[in-house]
Amino acid sequence: MAKVALIGLGNPGPKYHNTPHNAGQMFINYLLKQPFLNNLTQLKTTKFCIIYKGTYQQLEFYLILPRTYMNNSGLCTKEIHRILKYMDFVVIAHDDLDIPFLKYKISPKTTRTHNGVNSVKQSLPPKPTTLFIRIGVKRQASPLKGCDYLLSPFSKEELQALHNAVFPKILQELPHKLQVQHSAKLPLK
């Protein structure tokens, strides 16, 4: 069974809970509420992360919520590697200001300017196949710039749009993307 670590980047605490910068963690929290994984359990809570485990077809999923601030997400990655030893895939879900709101990309490529992603990439072991779920958070008409925008809350309508339109599409597409990226044929149906 192939092992998949799915890390949702974000900042801890209620102040950041529904902000664009926490889109990755919001996606993990969405998955935790879906009947997508079988035998879902909370595996472990550490200083740096909370790890949930479940299965989907021939994949063993580890859903991971970092407990560090975004720019220190690599500490979580090191902890995951210490606990789980080996992963076939590492999937990093994160916000992306270069992609319009309600759009996303799943690919082995990501932005170079995201400090949380860079922290994780520097801490990754060399073997796993890495995919990035880039969740678009770019608003067309926001008076706020950069950090101020990323740390301001989504509106109720924006949150509903993410949960009803974007996250279900990502969930539907992700198993196929994992199969395509893996060099061996995974028995997914």
Protein backbone atom coordinates (compact mmCIF):
# COMPACT_ATOMS: atom_id res chain seq x y z
CA MET A 1 0.00 0.00 0.00
CA ALA A 2 1.50 3.36 -1.04
CA LYS A 3 1.96 5.94 1.73
CA VAL A 4 0.81 9.53 1.13
CA ALA A 5 1.61 12.38 3.52
CA LEU A 6 -0.76 15.28 2.82
CA ILE A 7 0.39 18.43 4.62
CA GLY A 8 -1.90 21.46 4.86
CA LEU A 9 0.13 24.61 5.41
CA GLY A 10 -1.15 27.43 7.58
CA ASN A 11 -0.69 29.31 10.83
CA PRO A 12 -1.93 28.03 14.21
CA GLY A 13 -4.60 29.71 16.28
CA PRO A 14 -8.09 31.14 15.79
CA LYS A 15 -6.72 34.49 14.55
CA TYR A 16 -5.60 32.81 11.30
CA HIS A 17 -8.24 30.06 11.05
CA ASN A 18 -10.24 31.35 8.04
CA THR A 19 -7.62 33.44 6.26
CA PRO A 20 -6.30 32.94 2.72
CA HIS A 21 -2.88 31.99 4.12
CA ASN A 22 -4.52 28.98 5.82
CA ALA A 23 -6.10 27.56 2.66
CA GLY A 24 -3.93 24.43 2.93
CA GLN A 25 -5.05 23.69 6.49
CA MET A 26 -8.63 24.47 5.53
CA PHE A 27 -8.38 21.77 2.85
CA ILE A 28 -7.12 19.20 5.40
CA ASN A 29 -9.94 20.12 7.78
CA TYR A 30 -12.39 19.70 4.89
CA LEU A 31 -10.99 16.20 4.19
CA LEU A 32 -11.33 15.25 7.85
CA LYS A 33 -15.09 15.87 7.59
CA GLN A 34 -15.60 13.89 4.36
CA PRO A 35 -16.38 10.16 4.07
CA PHE A 36 -13.34 9.96 1.78
CA LEU A 37 -11.02 7.94 4.03
CA ASN A 38 -11.73 4.57 5.63
CA ASN A 39 -10.71 3.88 9.22
CA LEU A 40 -9.79 7.53 9.87
CA THR A 41 -8.08 7.97 13.23
CA GLN A 42 -5.92 10.56 14.92
CA LEU A 43 -2.55 8.82 14.92
CA LYS A 44 -0.39 11.24 16.88
CA THR A 45 -0.13 14.78 18.22
CA THR A 46 3.34 16.26 18.66
CA LYS A 47 4.78 19.67 19.37
CA PHE A 48 5.00 20.31 15.63
CA CYS A 49 1.96 18.60 14.07
CA ILE A 50 -1.23 16.57 14.35
CA ILE A 51 -1.28 13.41 12.21
CA TYR A 52 -4.42 11.56 11.09
CA LYS A 53 -4.36 8.22 9.29
CA GLY A 54 -6.85 6.62 6.94
CA THR A 55 -7.02 4.53 3.77
CA TYR A 56 -8.44 5.16 0.32
CA GLN A 57 -8.35 2.36 -2.25
CA GLN A 58 -4.70 1.22 -2.29
CA LEU A 59 -3.35 4.36 -0.59
CA GLU A 60 -2.51 4.90 3.06
CA PHE A 61 -3.13 8.60 3.75
CA TYR A 62 -1.59 10.65 6.53
CA LEU A 63 -3.38 13.99 6.84
CA ILE A 64 -1.11 16.45 8.61
CA LEU A 65 -1.87 19.76 10.27
CA PRO A 66 1.30 21.62 11.22
CA ARG A 67 1.25 23.31 14.63
CA THR A 68 4.05 25.68 13.63
CA TYR A 69 3.80 29.05 11.95
CA MET A 70 3.88 28.90 8.17
CA ASN A 71 7.53 29.88 7.74
CA ASN A 72 8.61 27.08 10.12
CA SER A 73 6.62 24.30 8.44
CA GLY A 74 9.85 22.38 7.80
CA LEU A 75 9.91 21.47 11.50
CA CYS A 76 6.66 19.60 10.92
CA THR A 77 8.12 17.85 7.86
CA LYS A 78 11.13 16.63 9.85
CA GLU A 79 8.79 15.35 12.57
CA ILE A 80 6.69 13.46 10.01
CA HIS A 81 9.79 11.84 8.55
CA ARG A 82 10.96 10.85 12.05
CA ILE A 83 7.59 9.26 12.89
CA LEU A 84 6.57 7.70 9.57
CA LYS A 85 10.09 6.86 8.28
CA TYR A 86 9.15 6.52 4.61
CA MET A 87 6.58 8.12 2.30
CA ASP A 88 5.88 7.32 -1.35
CA PHE A 89 4.30 10.75 -1.80
CA VAL A 90 4.41 14.06 -0.02
CA VAL A 91 1.58 16.38 -1.06
CA ILE A 92 1.70 19.96 0.15
CA ALA A 93 -1.53 21.99 0.09
CA HIS A 94 -0.98 25.74 0.28
CA ASP A 95 -2.33 29.14 -0.70
CA ASP A 96 -1.12 30.76 -3.92
CA LEU A 97 -1.47 34.47 -4.68
CA ASP A 98 -0.58 33.90 -8.35
CA ILE A 99 -3.72 31.83 -8.95
CA PRO A 100 -7.17 33.47 -9.02
CA PHE A 101 -9.61 32.71 -6.23
CA LEU A 102 -11.67 29.55 -6.87
CA LYS A 103 -8.96 28.08 -9.11
CA TYR A 104 -6.27 25.56 -8.17
CA LYS A 105 -3.41 23.53 -9.63
CA ILE A 106 -2.07 20.14 -8.65
CA SER A 107 1.41 19.55 -10.01
CA PRO A 108 5.00 18.70 -9.10
CA LYS A 109 5.83 22.41 -9.51
CA THR A 110 5.10 25.28 -7.15
CA THR A 111 5.92 28.89 -6.57
CA ARG A 112 9.43 29.83 -5.41
CA THR A 113 8.30 32.75 -3.29
CA HIS A 114 6.22 30.92 -0.67
CA ASN A 115 8.24 30.77 2.56
CA GLY A 116 6.17 27.95 4.05
CA VAL A 117 6.65 25.80 0.95
CA ASN A 118 10.37 26.60 0.87
CA SER A 119 10.68 25.56 4.53
CA VAL A 120 9.02 22.21 3.76
CA LYS A 121 11.05 21.60 0.59
CA GLN A 122 14.33 22.14 2.49
CA SER A 123 13.26 19.53 5.04
CA LEU A 124 12.00 16.83 2.69
CA PRO A 125 13.87 13.54 2.45
CA PRO A 126 15.13 12.85 -1.11
CA LYS A 127 12.96 9.84 -2.03
CA PRO A 128 9.23 10.71 -2.08
CA THR A 129 7.39 11.98 -5.11
CA THR A 130 6.24 15.50 -4.27
CA LEU A 131 3.06 17.19 -5.46
CA PHE A 132 1.74 20.62 -4.64
CA ILE A 133 -1.89 21.60 -4.35
CA ARG A 134 -1.79 25.32 -5.09
CA ILE A 135 -5.07 26.82 -3.91
CA GLY A 136 -5.79 30.15 -5.59
CA VAL A 137 -6.47 33.01 -3.20
CA LYS A 138 -5.90 35.99 -5.50
CA ARG A 139 -8.88 38.34 -5.27
CA GLN A 140 -9.46 40.62 -8.23
CA ALA A 141 -10.38 43.73 -6.26
CA SER A 142 -8.74 43.74 -2.85
CA PRO A 143 -7.46 47.01 -1.41
CA LEU A 144 -5.12 45.01 0.85
CA LYS A 145 -1.68 43.95 -0.30
CA GLY A 146 0.54 40.94 0.46
CA CYS A 147 0.62 39.88 4.11
CA ASP A 148 -2.29 42.12 5.11
CA TYR A 149 -4.49 40.41 2.54
CA LEU A 150 -3.28 36.87 3.30
CA LEU A 151 -3.97 37.32 7.02
CA SER A 152 -7.42 38.91 6.65
CA PRO A 153 -10.44 36.59 6.98
CA PHE A 154 -12.37 35.21 4.04
CA SER A 155 -15.99 36.32 3.84
CA LYS A 156 -18.71 33.77 4.62
CA GLU A 157 -19.49 33.55 0.88
CA GLU A 158 -15.82 32.94 0.02
CA LEU A 159 -15.57 30.16 2.62
CA GLN A 160 -18.70 28.51 1.22
CA ALA A 161 -17.27 28.73 -2.30
CA LEU A 162 -14.04 27.02 -1.22
CA HIS A 163 -15.91 24.23 0.58
CA ASN A 164 -18.56 23.71 -2.09
CA ALA A 165 -16.66 24.33 -5.33
CA VAL A 166 -12.88 24.11 -4.93
CA PHE A 167 -12.16 21.49 -2.27
CA PRO A 168 -14.48 18.81 -3.76
CA LYS A 169 -12.78 19.20 -7.15
CA ILE A 170 -9.33 18.84 -5.60
CA LEU A 171 -10.46 15.72 -3.73
CA GLN A 172 -11.83 14.23 -6.94
CA GLU A 173 -8.64 14.94 -8.93
CA LEU A 174 -5.97 14.09 -6.36
CA PRO A 175 -5.98 10.24 -6.59
CA HIS A 176 -5.57 10.43 -10.37
CA LYS A 177 -2.68 12.90 -10.05
CA LEU A 178 -0.97 10.60 -7.55
CA GLN A 179 -1.29 7.69 -9.94
CA VAL A 180 0.08 9.69 -12.87
CA GLN A 181 3.07 10.97 -10.87
CA HIS A 182 4.07 7.60 -9.46
CA SER A 183 6.47 5.58 -11.62
CA ALA A 184 4.83 2.27 -10.64
CA LYS A 185 1.24 1.50 -11.54
CA LEU A 186 -0.95 1.93 -8.47
CA PRO A 187 -4.10 -0.19 -8.51
CA LEU A 188 -6.54 2.73 -8.32
CA LYS A 189 -10.02 2.43 -9.80
